[in-house]
Amino acid sequence: MRGFIIIFISLSIAGCQITDKNKDREITSAMLENPTTIEFEDPEYDFGEISLGSSVEFSFKFKNTGESPLIIQSVKAACGCTVLKDWPKEAILPGESAAIPVVFTAKYPGSQKKYVSIIANTRPSITKVYLIGKAIGPE
């Protein structure tokens, strides 16, 4: 039992240290009271037709169109066929632009419509951008 308590305390302390590293990206109550806005240059990218197993890369360019710093808490792909190359970890000031690069790999034939969710201090807090097209290959 004593060993369990020591492990629990150690994990709790480690968890606090990990959280502190992301403190600059935390969404605070002040940010939620005054959310900003995000505007994507192309919220939907049509990659056309690609061969099954092929990949396409695209960067979703956006601008902070609000009056508060934009903090992206996380970016998540809807499926394993879409990989996030990177996304801005620092605050994007009002009027500034940045991009979220993604790579889509066609794993199944047919029409494709995949999304990426951006969670930030915006209203609504989740914004989705889309990759659409068709994968051509044996069915």
Protein backbone atom coordinates (compact mmCIF):
# COMPACT_ATOMS: atom_id res chain seq x y z
CA MET A 1 0.00 0.00 0.00
CA ARG A 2 2.83 2.37 0.88
CA GLY A 3 4.42 1.81 -2.56
CA PHE A 4 1.12 2.68 -4.24
CA ILE A 5 0.95 6.00 -2.36
CA ILE A 6 4.52 6.88 -3.34
CA ILE A 7 3.81 6.10 -7.02
CA PHE A 8 0.58 8.13 -6.89
CA ILE A 9 2.34 11.17 -5.40
CA SER A 10 5.19 10.89 -7.93
CA LEU A 11 2.76 10.76 -10.86
CA SER A 12 0.79 13.70 -9.46
CA ILE A 13 3.94 15.82 -9.21
CA ALA A 14 5.05 14.82 -12.73
CA GLY A 15 1.60 15.68 -14.06
CA CYS A 16 1.84 19.16 -12.58
CA GLN A 17 5.22 19.71 -14.20
CA ILE A 18 3.91 18.66 -17.62
CA THR A 19 0.95 21.04 -17.28
CA ASP A 20 3.27 23.95 -16.44
CA LYS A 21 5.14 23.52 -19.76
CA ASN A 22 1.89 24.26 -21.62
CA LYS A 23 0.92 27.21 -19.42
CA ASP A 24 1.60 29.73 -22.22
CA ARG A 25 -1.11 27.99 -24.30
CA GLU A 26 -3.73 27.73 -21.59
CA ILE A 27 -7.11 29.20 -22.36
CA THR A 28 -8.00 31.36 -19.38
CA SER A 29 -11.40 32.56 -18.23
CA ALA A 30 -10.47 36.08 -19.41
CA MET A 31 -9.94 34.74 -22.94
CA LEU A 32 -13.28 32.96 -22.86
CA GLU A 33 -15.01 36.16 -21.79
CA ASN A 34 -13.46 37.96 -24.77
CA PRO A 35 -12.98 35.25 -27.43
CA THR A 36 -11.34 36.05 -30.72
CA THR A 37 -12.25 35.00 -34.25
CA ILE A 38 -10.38 32.91 -36.77
CA GLU A 39 -10.84 33.13 -40.53
CA PHE A 40 -9.44 30.52 -42.91
CA GLU A 41 -8.32 31.50 -46.40
CA ASP A 42 -9.63 28.15 -47.71
CA PRO A 43 -11.63 26.21 -45.09
CA GLU A 44 -12.14 23.43 -47.64
CA TYR A 45 -9.38 22.01 -49.84
CA ASP A 46 -10.45 19.96 -52.86
CA PHE A 47 -7.51 17.78 -53.87
CA GLY A 48 -9.37 16.32 -56.86
CA GLU A 49 -8.57 12.73 -57.78
CA ILE A 50 -5.55 10.87 -56.44
CA SER A 51 -4.40 7.26 -56.65
CA LEU A 52 -5.12 4.95 -53.77
CA GLY A 53 -2.13 5.06 -51.43
CA SER A 54 -1.03 8.50 -52.64
CA SER A 55 -0.67 11.51 -50.36
CA VAL A 56 -1.46 15.19 -50.72
CA GLU A 57 -0.15 18.05 -48.59
CA PHE A 58 -1.96 21.28 -47.87
CA SER A 59 -1.58 24.16 -45.44
CA PHE A 60 -4.75 25.68 -44.05
CA LYS A 61 -3.83 29.36 -43.84
CA PHE A 62 -5.74 31.50 -41.34
CA LYS A 63 -5.84 34.93 -39.77
CA ASN A 64 -6.77 36.09 -36.29
CA THR A 65 -9.58 38.49 -37.20
CA GLY A 66 -10.54 39.28 -33.61
CA GLU A 67 -9.26 41.70 -31.01
CA SER A 68 -7.65 39.19 -28.60
CA PRO A 69 -4.62 36.92 -29.02
CA LEU A 70 -5.54 33.60 -30.62
CA ILE A 71 -4.41 30.56 -28.65
CA ILE A 72 -4.79 27.19 -30.36
CA GLN A 73 -5.21 24.63 -27.62
CA SER A 74 -5.16 21.60 -29.92
CA VAL A 75 -5.59 20.42 -33.49
CA LYS A 76 -6.99 16.96 -34.15
CA ALA A 77 -7.45 14.95 -37.33
CA ALA A 78 -10.67 12.98 -37.64
CA CYS A 79 -8.92 9.84 -38.86
CA GLY A 80 -5.54 8.18 -39.15
CA CYS A 81 -5.40 9.00 -42.86
CA THR A 82 -4.74 12.67 -42.03
CA VAL A 83 -1.50 13.63 -40.31
CA LEU A 84 -0.79 17.02 -38.77
CA LYS A 85 2.71 18.19 -39.64
CA ASP A 86 2.68 20.99 -37.06
CA TRP A 87 0.55 23.85 -35.84
CA PRO A 88 1.26 27.19 -34.17
CA LYS A 89 2.00 26.76 -30.48
CA GLU A 90 2.49 30.45 -29.72
CA ALA A 91 -0.19 33.13 -29.46
CA ILE A 92 -1.24 34.68 -32.76
CA LEU A 93 -1.87 38.37 -32.24
CA PRO A 94 -4.85 40.19 -33.79
CA GLY A 95 -4.29 40.71 -37.51
CA GLU A 96 -1.52 38.09 -37.71
CA SER A 97 -1.65 35.00 -39.93
CA ALA A 98 -0.36 31.45 -39.61
CA ALA A 99 -0.98 28.01 -41.10
CA ILE A 100 -1.77 24.43 -40.15
CA PRO A 101 -0.06 22.00 -42.57
CA VAL A 102 -1.61 18.55 -43.04
CA VAL A 103 -0.91 15.43 -45.11
CA PHE A 104 -3.76 13.22 -46.31
CA THR A 105 -3.10 9.67 -47.51
CA ALA A 106 -5.83 7.90 -49.47
CA LYS A 107 -6.29 4.53 -47.75
CA TYR A 108 -9.69 3.61 -49.18
CA PRO A 109 -11.14 4.12 -52.69
CA GLY A 110 -14.02 6.47 -53.37
CA SER A 111 -15.14 9.94 -52.34
CA GLN A 112 -13.34 11.44 -49.37
CA LYS A 113 -14.36 14.19 -46.97
CA LYS A 114 -12.11 14.38 -43.93
CA TYR A 115 -11.95 17.11 -41.35
CA VAL A 116 -9.47 18.61 -38.95
CA SER A 117 -10.75 20.20 -35.72
CA ILE A 118 -9.08 23.30 -34.32
CA ILE A 119 -9.82 23.95 -30.63
CA ALA A 120 -9.05 27.51 -29.62
CA ASN A 121 -10.24 30.53 -27.65
CA THR A 122 -12.79 31.34 -30.34
CA ARG A 123 -16.56 31.28 -30.46
CA PRO A 124 -17.44 28.56 -31.27
CA SER A 125 -14.43 26.95 -29.61
CA ILE A 126 -14.14 24.26 -32.31
CA THR A 127 -13.58 25.16 -35.94
CA LYS A 128 -13.41 22.48 -38.64
CA VAL A 129 -11.60 22.59 -41.97
CA TYR A 130 -12.08 19.94 -44.65
CA LEU A 131 -10.13 17.91 -47.19
CA ILE A 132 -12.29 16.60 -50.01
CA GLY A 133 -11.62 14.61 -53.15
CA LYS A 134 -11.67 11.13 -54.60
CA ALA A 135 -9.29 8.20 -54.26
CA ILE A 136 -9.02 6.11 -57.40
CA GLY A 137 -7.98 2.47 -57.14
CA PRO A 138 -9.23 -1.11 -57.00
CA GLU A 139 -12.43 -1.56 -55.06
